[in-house]
C-alpha atoms as a PDB file:
ATOM      1  CA  MET A   1     -25.438 -91.598-119.510  1.00  0.00           C
ATOM      2  CA  SER A   2     -23.411 -94.590-118.256  1.00  0.00           C
ATOM      3  CA  PHE A   3     -20.056 -95.803-119.656  1.00  0.00           C
ATOM      4  CA  GLY A   4     -21.935 -98.740-121.364  1.00  0.00           C
ATOM      5  CA  GLN A   5     -24.315 -96.241-123.017  1.00  0.00           C
ATOM      6  CA  ILE A   6     -21.395 -94.117-124.196  1.00  0.00           C
ATOM      7  CA  LEU A   7     -19.717 -97.141-125.842  1.00  0.00           C
ATOM      8  CA  SER A   8     -22.988 -98.190-127.556  1.00  0.00           C
ATOM      9  CA  ASP A   9     -23.642 -94.634-128.716  1.00  0.00           C
ATOM     10  CA  VAL A  10     -20.218 -94.181-130.339  1.00  0.00           C
ATOM     11  CA  ALA A  11     -20.399 -97.656-131.869  1.00  0.00           C
ATOM     12  CA  SER A  12     -23.342 -96.428-134.001  1.00  0.00           C
ATOM     13  CA  ARG A  13     -21.293 -93.785-135.662  1.00  0.00           C
ATOM     14  CA  GLU A  14     -19.588 -95.049-138.762  1.00  0.00           C
ATOM     15  CA  LYS A  15     -15.944 -94.319-139.475  1.00  0.00           C
ATOM     16  CA  ARG A  16     -14.115 -95.568-142.600  1.00  0.00           C
ATOM     17  CA  VAL A  17     -10.423 -96.403-143.225  1.00  0.00           C
ATOM     18  CA  ILE A  18      -9.195 -96.695-146.775  1.00  0.00           C
ATOM     19  CA  VAL A  19      -5.728 -98.418-147.320  1.00  0.00           C
ATOM     20  CA  TYR A  20      -4.014 -97.346-150.544  1.00  0.00           C
ATOM     21  CA  ALA A  21      -1.246 -99.936-151.269  1.00  0.00           C
ATOM     22  CA  PRO A  22       0.302-101.826-154.226  1.00  0.00           C
ATOM     23  CA  ASP A  23      -0.448-105.119-152.458  1.00  0.00           C
ATOM     24  CA  ASP A  24      -3.095-106.536-150.075  1.00  0.00           C
ATOM     25  CA  SER A  25      -1.725-104.641-147.049  1.00  0.00           C
ATOM     26  CA  GLY A  26      -5.153-103.676-146.032  1.00  0.00           C
ATOM     27  CA  SER A  27      -5.871-107.272-144.826  1.00  0.00           C
ATOM     28  CA  GLU A  28      -2.957-107.055-142.345  1.00  0.00           C
ATOM     29  CA  LEU A  29      -4.557-103.910-140.943  1.00  0.00           C
ATOM     30  CA  ALA A  30      -7.985-105.389-140.925  1.00  0.00           C
ATOM     31  CA  ASP A  31      -6.603-108.342-138.815  1.00  0.00           C
ATOM     32  CA  ALA A  32      -4.892-105.957-136.419  1.00  0.00           C
ATOM     33  CA  LEU A  33      -7.748-103.602-135.957  1.00  0.00           C
ATOM     34  CA  ALA A  34     -11.029-105.177-134.635  1.00  0.00           C
ATOM     35  CA  THR A  35     -13.646-102.577-134.143  1.00  0.00           C
ATOM     36  CA  ARG A  36     -17.443-102.062-134.107  1.00  0.00           C
ATOM     37  CA  ASN A  37     -17.760 -98.915-136.121  1.00  0.00           C
ATOM     38  CA  LEU A  38     -14.714 -98.850-138.440  1.00  0.00           C
ATOM     39  CA  THR A  39     -14.928-100.096-142.033  1.00  0.00           C
ATOM     40  CA  ILE A  40     -11.625-100.888-143.731  1.00  0.00           C
ATOM     41  CA  ASP A  41     -11.383-100.807-147.559  1.00  0.00           C
ATOM     42  CA  HIS A  42      -8.448-101.358-149.891  1.00  0.00           C
ATOM     43  CA  ARG A  43      -7.448 -99.362-152.988  1.00  0.00           C
ATOM     44  CA  GLN A  44      -4.780-100.823-155.314  1.00  0.00           C
ATOM     45  CA  LEU A  45      -1.782 -98.678-156.109  1.00  0.00           C
ATOM     46  CA  PRO A  46       0.702 -99.361-159.014  1.00  0.00           C
ATOM     47  CA  ALA A  47       3.735-101.332-157.882  1.00  0.00           C
ATOM     48  CA  ILE A  48       5.982 -98.307-158.620  1.00  0.00           C
ATOM     49  CA  SER A  49       4.036 -96.148-156.172  1.00  0.00           C
ATOM     50  CA  SER A  50       5.555 -94.901-152.942  1.00  0.00           C
ATOM     51  CA  GLU A  51       4.777 -96.562-149.544  1.00  0.00           C
ATOM     52  CA  ALA A  52       1.282 -97.567-148.669  1.00  0.00           C
ATOM     53  CA  PHE A  53      -0.855 -94.927-146.835  1.00  0.00           C
ATOM     54  CA  VAL A  54      -4.145 -94.856-145.013  1.00  0.00           C
ATOM     55  CA  VAL A  55      -6.970 -92.317-145.321  1.00  0.00           C
ATOM     56  CA  VAL A  56      -9.490 -91.942-142.437  1.00  0.00           C
ATOM     57  CA  ARG A  57     -13.049 -90.614-143.192  1.00  0.00           C
ATOM     58  CA  ASP A  58     -15.680 -89.908-140.480  1.00  0.00           C
ATOM     59  CA  GLY A  59     -19.227 -89.699-141.681  1.00  0.00           C
ATOM     60  CA  GLY A  60     -17.948 -89.323-145.214  1.00  0.00           C
ATOM     61  CA  GLU A  61     -15.689 -86.386-144.326  1.00  0.00           C
ATOM     62  CA  PHE A  62     -11.895 -86.584-144.785  1.00  0.00           C
ATOM     63  CA  GLN A  63     -10.250 -86.595-141.336  1.00  0.00           C
ATOM     64  CA  GLY A  64      -6.620 -87.187-142.274  1.00  0.00           C
ATOM     65  CA  ALA A  65      -3.935 -89.544-143.749  1.00  0.00           C
ATOM     66  CA  ILE A  66      -0.934 -91.448-142.370  1.00  0.00           C
ATOM     67  CA  SER A  67       1.498 -93.984-143.638  1.00  0.00           C
ATOM     68  CA  LEU A  68       0.436 -97.665-143.168  1.00  0.00           C
ATOM     69  CA  ALA A  69       3.815 -98.380-141.528  1.00  0.00           C
ATOM     70  CA  ASP A  70       3.180 -95.839-138.812  1.00  0.00           C
ATOM     71  CA  LEU A  71      -0.339 -97.041-138.170  1.00  0.00           C
ATOM     72  CA  LEU A  72       0.822-100.654-137.825  1.00  0.00           C
ATOM     73  CA  SER A  73       3.652 -99.707-135.479  1.00  0.00           C
ATOM     74  CA  PHE A  74       1.104 -97.833-133.336  1.00  0.00           C
ATOM     75  CA  LEU A  75      -0.578-101.154-132.579  1.00  0.00           C
ATOM     76  CA  THR A  76       2.384-102.464-130.607  1.00  0.00           C
ATOM     77  CA  PRO A  77       3.787 -99.266-129.058  1.00  0.00           C
ATOM     78  CA  PRO A  78       6.372 -99.111-126.242  1.00  0.00           C
ATOM     79  CA  ILE A  79       5.109 -98.144-122.767  1.00  0.00           C
ATOM     80  CA  ARG A  80       6.739 -94.998-121.479  1.00  0.00           C
ATOM     81  CA  ARG A  81       6.474 -92.684-118.409  1.00  0.00           C
ATOM     82  CA  PRO A  82       4.733 -89.352-119.018  1.00  0.00           C
ATOM     83  CA  GLU A  83       7.850 -87.242-119.191  1.00  0.00           C
ATOM     84  CA  ASP A  84       9.449 -89.675-121.630  1.00  0.00           C
ATOM     85  CA  LEU A  85       6.706 -89.481-124.153  1.00  0.00           C
ATOM     86  CA  ASP A  86       7.602 -86.491-126.294  1.00  0.00           C
ATOM     87  CA  SER A  87       9.184 -88.211-129.295  1.00  0.00           C
ATOM     88  CA  LEU A  88       6.711 -91.091-129.214  1.00  0.00           C
ATOM     89  CA  ALA A  89       3.779 -88.855-128.754  1.00  0.00           C
ATOM     90  CA  ARG A  90       4.643 -86.741-131.809  1.00  0.00           C
ATOM     91  CA  LYS A  91       4.809 -89.820-133.980  1.00  0.00           C
ATOM     92  CA  HIS A  92       1.612 -91.475-132.709  1.00  0.00           C
ATOM     93  CA  ARG A  93      -0.570 -88.508-131.694  1.00  0.00           C
ATOM     94  CA  ILE A  94      -1.955 -88.246-135.189  1.00  0.00           C
ATOM     95  CA  VAL A  95      -3.071 -91.803-135.092  1.00  0.00           C
ATOM     96  CA  TYR A  96      -4.818 -91.242-131.703  1.00  0.00           C
ATOM     97  CA  GLU A  97      -6.667 -88.355-133.231  1.00  0.00           C
ATOM     98  CA  LEU A  98      -7.616 -90.139-136.367  1.00  0.00           C
ATOM     99  CA  LEU A  99      -8.906 -93.168-134.541  1.00  0.00           C
ATOM    100  CA  ASP A 100     -10.659 -91.429-131.683  1.00  0.00           C
ATOM    101  CA  ASP A 101     -14.310 -92.235-131.144  1.00  0.00           C
ATOM    102  CA  THR A 102     -13.719 -95.771-132.641  1.00  0.00           C
ATOM    103  CA  VAL A 103     -14.961 -98.667-130.541  1.00  0.00           C
ATOM    104  CA  PHE A 104     -12.322-101.346-130.546  1.00  0.00           C
ATOM    105  CA  VAL A 105     -13.583-104.862-129.699  1.00  0.00           C
ATOM    106  CA  SER A 106     -10.300-106.522-128.888  1.00  0.00           C
ATOM    107  CA  LEU A 107      -7.766-104.285-127.050  1.00  0.00           C
ATOM    108  CA  ASP A 108      -5.076-105.814-124.927  1.00  0.00           C
ATOM    109  CA  ARG A 109      -3.547-104.421-121.783  1.00  0.00           C
ATOM    110  CA  ARG A 110      -0.419-103.287-123.693  1.00  0.00           C
ATOM    111  CA  GLN A 111      -2.395-101.084-126.067  1.00  0.00           C
ATOM    112  CA  LEU A 112      -4.483 -99.722-123.261  1.00  0.00           C
ATOM    113  CA  LEU A 113      -1.333 -98.862-121.253  1.00  0.00           C
ATOM    114  CA  ALA A 114       0.046 -96.941-124.286  1.00  0.00           C
ATOM    115  CA  THR A 115      -3.200 -95.181-124.744  1.00  0.00           C
ATOM    116  CA  SER A 116      -3.348 -94.273-121.059  1.00  0.00           C
ATOM    117  CA  ARG A 117       0.161 -92.784-121.353  1.00  0.00           C
ATOM    118  CA  GLU A 118      -0.998 -90.622-124.219  1.00  0.00           C
ATOM    119  CA  LEU A 119      -3.858 -89.140-122.068  1.00  0.00           C
ATOM    120  CA  GLU A 120      -1.657 -88.920-118.999  1.00  0.00           C
ATOM    121  CA  ASP A 121       0.925 -87.096-121.152  1.00  0.00           C
ATOM    122  CA  ARG A 122      -1.734 -84.513-122.153  1.00  0.00           C
ATOM    123  CA  ALA A 123      -2.534 -83.953-118.392  1.00  0.00           C
ATOM    124  CA  TRP A 124       1.182 -83.778-117.546  1.00  0.00           C
ATOM    125  CA  ARG A 125       1.872 -81.101-120.163  1.00  0.00           C
ATOM    126  CA  THR A 126      -1.283 -79.153-119.151  1.00  0.00           C
ATOM    127  CA  GLY A 127      -0.485 -79.306-115.463  1.00  0.00           C
ATOM    128  CA  ARG A 128      -3.965 -78.244-114.308  1.00  0.00           C
ATOM    129  CA  GLY A 129      -7.657 -79.373-114.490  1.00  0.00           C
ATOM    130  CA  ARG A 130      -9.057 -82.637-113.154  1.00  0.00           C
ATOM    131  CA  LEU A 131      -8.071 -86.269-113.821  1.00  0.00           C
ATOM    132  CA  HIS A 132     -10.144 -89.377-112.837  1.00  0.00           C
ATOM    133  CA  ALA A 133      -8.631 -92.776-113.266  1.00  0.00           C
ATOM    134  CA  GLY A 134     -10.249 -96.120-112.615  1.00  0.00           C
ATOM    135  CA  PHE A 135      -8.276 -99.339-111.747  1.00  0.00           C
ATOM    136  CA  GLN A 136     -10.069-102.671-111.635  1.00  0.00           C
ATOM    137  CA  ARG A 137      -7.590-104.116-109.175  1.00  0.00           C
ATOM    138  CA  ALA A 138      -5.237-102.855-106.541  1.00  0.00           C
ATOM    139  CA  GLU A 139      -2.397-104.551-108.340  1.00  0.00           C
ATOM    140  CA  ALA A 140      -3.150-102.506-111.427  1.00  0.00           C
ATOM    141  CA  PHE A 141      -2.790 -99.306-109.414  1.00  0.00           C
ATOM    142  CA  GLU A 142       0.409-100.405-107.776  1.00  0.00           C
ATOM    143  CA  ALA A 143       1.889-100.890-111.266  1.00  0.00           C
ATOM    144  CA  GLN A 144       1.183 -97.237-111.995  1.00  0.00           C
ATOM    145  CA  ARG A 145       1.821 -95.708-108.639  1.00  0.00           C
ATOM    146  CA  THR A 146       4.946 -93.833-109.737  1.00  0.00           C
ATOM    147  CA  VAL A 147       3.084 -92.277-112.780  1.00  0.00           C
ATOM    148  CA  TYR A 148       0.457 -90.794-110.510  1.00  0.00           C
ATOM    149  CA  GLN A 149       2.977 -89.768-107.881  1.00  0.00           C
ATOM    150  CA  GLU A 150       4.620 -87.643-110.659  1.00  0.00           C
ATOM    151  CA  LEU A 151       1.252 -86.243-111.747  1.00  0.00           C
ATOM    152  CA  SER A 152       0.419 -85.322-108.304  1.00  0.00           C
ATOM    153  CA  THR A 153       3.201 -82.749-108.305  1.00  0.00           C
ATOM    154  CA  THR A 154       1.069 -80.718-110.787  1.00  0.00           C
ATOM    155  CA  ASP A 155      -1.986 -78.633-109.991  1.00  0.00           C
ATOM    156  CA  ILE A 156      -4.265 -81.345-111.316  1.00  0.00           C
ATOM    157  CA  ASP A 157      -7.246 -82.463-109.038  1.00  0.00           C
ATOM    158  CA  ILE A 158      -6.745 -86.199-109.151  1.00  0.00           C
ATOM    159  CA  HIS A 159      -9.217 -88.903-108.210  1.00  0.00           C
ATOM    160  CA  LEU A 160      -8.372 -92.571-108.184  1.00  0.00           C
ATOM    161  CA  TYR A 161     -10.920 -95.424-108.166  1.00  0.00           C
ATOM    162  CA  VAL A 162      -9.655 -98.734-106.821  1.00  0.00           C
ATOM    163  CA  PRO A 163     -11.998-101.424-105.761  1.00  0.00           C
ATOM    164  CA  GLY A 164     -11.428-102.347-102.116  1.00  0.00           C
ATOM    165  CA  GLY A 165      -8.642 -99.701-101.731  1.00  0.00           C
ATOM    166  CA  VAL A 166      -4.947-100.227-101.585  1.00  0.00           C
ATOM    167  CA  ASP A 167      -2.410-101.036 -98.879  1.00  0.00           C
ATOM    168  CA  GLY A 168      -1.416 -97.883 -96.935  1.00  0.00           C
ATOM    169  CA  ASP A 169      -1.638 -94.379 -98.210  1.00  0.00           C
ATOM    170  CA  PRO A 170      -2.134 -94.492-102.029  1.00  0.00           C
ATOM    171  CA  LEU A 171       0.037 -91.423-102.614  1.00  0.00           C
ATOM    172  CA  SER A 172       1.591 -90.061 -99.464  1.00  0.00           C
ATOM    173  CA  ASP A 173       1.858 -86.231 -98.990  1.00  0.00           C
ATOM    174  CA  THR A 174      -0.408 -85.521-101.962  1.00  0.00           C
ATOM    175  CA  SER A 175      -3.988 -84.221-102.326  1.00  0.00           C
ATOM    176  CA  VAL A 176      -5.015 -87.272-104.491  1.00  0.00           C
ATOM    177  CA  ARG A 177      -8.444 -88.668-103.469  1.00  0.00           C
ATOM    178  CA  LEU A 178      -9.017 -92.432-103.338  1.00  0.00           C
ATOM    179  CA  HIS A 179     -12.463 -93.936-104.035  1.00  0.00           C
ATOM    180  CA  THR A 180     -12.934 -97.565-103.055  1.00  0.00           C
ATOM    181  CA  GLU A 181     -16.708 -98.314-103.422  1.00  0.00           C
ATOM    182  CA  ASN A 182     -17.442 -97.668-107.103  1.00  0.00           C
ATOM    183  CA  GLY A 183     -20.240 -99.960-108.127  1.00  0.00           C
ATOM    184  CA  LYS A 184     -20.452-100.607-111.833  1.00  0.00           C
ATOM    185  CA  LEU A 185     -17.366 -98.505-112.452  1.00  0.00           C
ATOM    186  CA  ASP A 186     -15.246-101.434-111.166  1.00  0.00           C
ATOM    187  CA  ARG A 187     -15.796-103.227-114.566  1.00  0.00           C
ATOM    188  CA  TYR A 188     -13.976-100.458-116.480  1.00  0.00           C
ATOM    189  CA  TRP A 189     -10.419 -99.288-117.061  1.00  0.00           C
ATOM    190  CA  PHE A 190     -10.834 -95.449-117.459  1.00  0.00           C
ATOM    191  CA  ILE A 191      -8.946 -92.167-117.554  1.00  0.00           C
ATOM    192  CA  LEU A 192     -10.793 -88.962-117.895  1.00  0.00           C
ATOM    193  CA  PHE A 193      -9.032 -85.596-118.174  1.00  0.00           C
ATOM    194  CA  ASP A 194     -10.627 -82.056-118.311  1.00  0.00           C
ATOM    195  CA  ASP A 195      -7.990 -79.291-118.717  1.00  0.00           C
ATOM    196  CA  GLY A 196     -10.146 -76.848-116.769  1.00  0.00           C
ATOM    197  CA  ASP A 197      -9.770 -74.164-119.454  1.00  0.00           C
ATOM    198  CA  SER A 198     -10.366 -74.229-123.306  1.00  0.00           C
ATOM    199  CA  GLY A 199     -11.104 -77.919-123.431  1.00  0.00           C
ATOM    200  CA  ALA A 200      -8.486 -78.336-126.161  1.00  0.00           C
ATOM    201  CA  GLN A 201      -6.678 -81.059-124.149  1.00  0.00           C
ATOM    202  CA  ASN A 202      -9.815 -82.789-122.847  1.00  0.00           C
ATOM    203  CA  CYS A 203      -9.675 -86.552-123.393  1.00  0.00           C
ATOM    204  CA  ALA A 204     -11.079 -89.874-122.134  1.00  0.00           C
ATOM    205  CA  LEU A 205     -10.326 -93.570-122.293  1.00  0.00           C
ATOM    206  CA  ILE A 206     -13.114 -96.016-121.432  1.00  0.00           C
ATOM    207  CA  ALA A 207     -12.554 -99.768-121.715  1.00  0.00           C
ATOM    208  CA  ARG A 208     -14.642-102.756-120.432  1.00  0.00           C
ATOM    209  CA  GLU A 209     -12.944-106.122-119.755  1.00  0.00           C
ATOM    210  CA  THR A 210     -14.490-109.007-121.606  1.00  0.00           C
ATOM    211  CA  ASP A 211     -14.710-112.640-120.754  1.00  0.00           C
ATOM    212  CA  ASP A 212     -11.389-113.492-122.450  1.00  0.00           C
ATOM    213  CA  GLY A 213      -9.423-110.991-120.507  1.00  0.00           C
ATOM    214  CA  ARG A 214      -9.231-108.488-123.423  1.00  0.00           C
ATOM    215  CA  TYR A 215     -11.104-105.166-123.564  1.00  0.00           C
ATOM    216  CA  GLN A 216     -13.734-103.406-125.675  1.00  0.00           C
ATOM    217  CA  GLY A 217     -13.291 -99.636-125.548  1.00  0.00           C
ATOM    218  CA  LEU A 218     -12.500 -96.296-127.061  1.00  0.00           C
ATOM    219  CA  TRP A 219     -10.604 -93.071-126.525  1.00  0.00           C
ATOM    220  CA  THR A 220     -11.981 -89.600-127.372  1.00  0.00           C
ATOM    221  CA  TYR A 221     -11.039 -86.003-127.572  1.00  0.00           C
ATOM    222  CA  ASN A 222     -14.665 -84.973-128.100  1.00  0.00           C
ATOM    223  CA  GLU A 223     -15.429 -82.396-125.320  1.00  0.00           C
ATOM    224  CA  GLU A 224     -19.158 -83.434-125.079  1.00  0.00           C
ATOM    225  CA  LEU A 225     -18.262 -87.073-124.784  1.00  0.00           C
ATOM    226  CA  VAL A 226     -15.600 -86.327-122.098  1.00  0.00           C
ATOM    227  CA  ALA A 227     -18.167 -84.281-120.225  1.00  0.00           C
ATOM    228  CA  GLU A 228     -20.636 -87.273-120.398  1.00  0.00           C
ATOM    229  CA  ALA A 229     -17.912 -89.604-119.171  1.00  0.00           C
ATOM    230  CA  PHE A 230     -17.192 -87.315-116.057  1.00  0.00           C
ATOM    231  CA  ASN A 231     -20.995 -87.247-115.501  1.00  0.00           C
ATOM    232  CA  ALA A 232     -21.131 -91.040-115.615  1.00  0.00           C
ATOM    233  CA  VAL A 233     -18.500 -91.167-112.836  1.00  0.00           C
ATOM    234  CA  GLU A 234     -19.766 -88.431-110.610  1.00  0.00           C
END
C-alpha cells in the first residue's frame, strides 16, 4: 500500500466531533479544522454552563472529551525541540490521540512541525526502535538538523530521505543513513516511528503537499497503519 492509498483508506473512515457550548463556538472550530472524514456538530448549552467542551466519536464509539479552548490552542502550537516538549506534550497529547486517523485537507507547515515534534518526542523518550523521516527539500532538513543530531545519540535506527542529498555529511559521527533517490516519496513530508518492542509508542505522520503550498495529511498511532507506512517506504 502506498502513502496515497493510506490517505484514501483512512479518509473513508468517519469520525465525529460534537461541540457543546452556550454559543456558536462550533463554527470557529469548523473553520479551523478542514478534514475529509471528520463531521463537526454543535449542541447548545445553557448560558450558565461551564466552558465549552468537545466530544470525539469514532465509528459511533466515544473516544474522549477535551475543552474547546485547549483544542483551539492546539491549532497554533509553539514549535519546540524534543527535550523541551514535556509540558506542551502533556497538554496536547490527548488532542493528538483524539484526532489521530483524521485526514486533514489544509495543514500548514507550522502545524506539521508541531506534529513532527510530538512524534519525535515519542521516539526521544523511547530511545530505541527505528525512525524514518522524509524531507521534500534539503533546506527542510537543514532546518531540522539539530533535532536529528540529538536523536542520533539514542539507540534508534534513523533513516533520512532527502531528494538530491545535502551538502556534506548529513550527521557527522553518527550511524544515520541518508537516502537521496526516493521516487514518489519525494512528494511527502513523513515521520514514521516503530518502538521495536510493544508497539505502544508506534506513530506516523504522512502529509502530501498540495498546489497552494499547504498539505493534506494525517497522523496515526494505529500499529497496523504504521506498519503499512513502513512497508510503503521500504
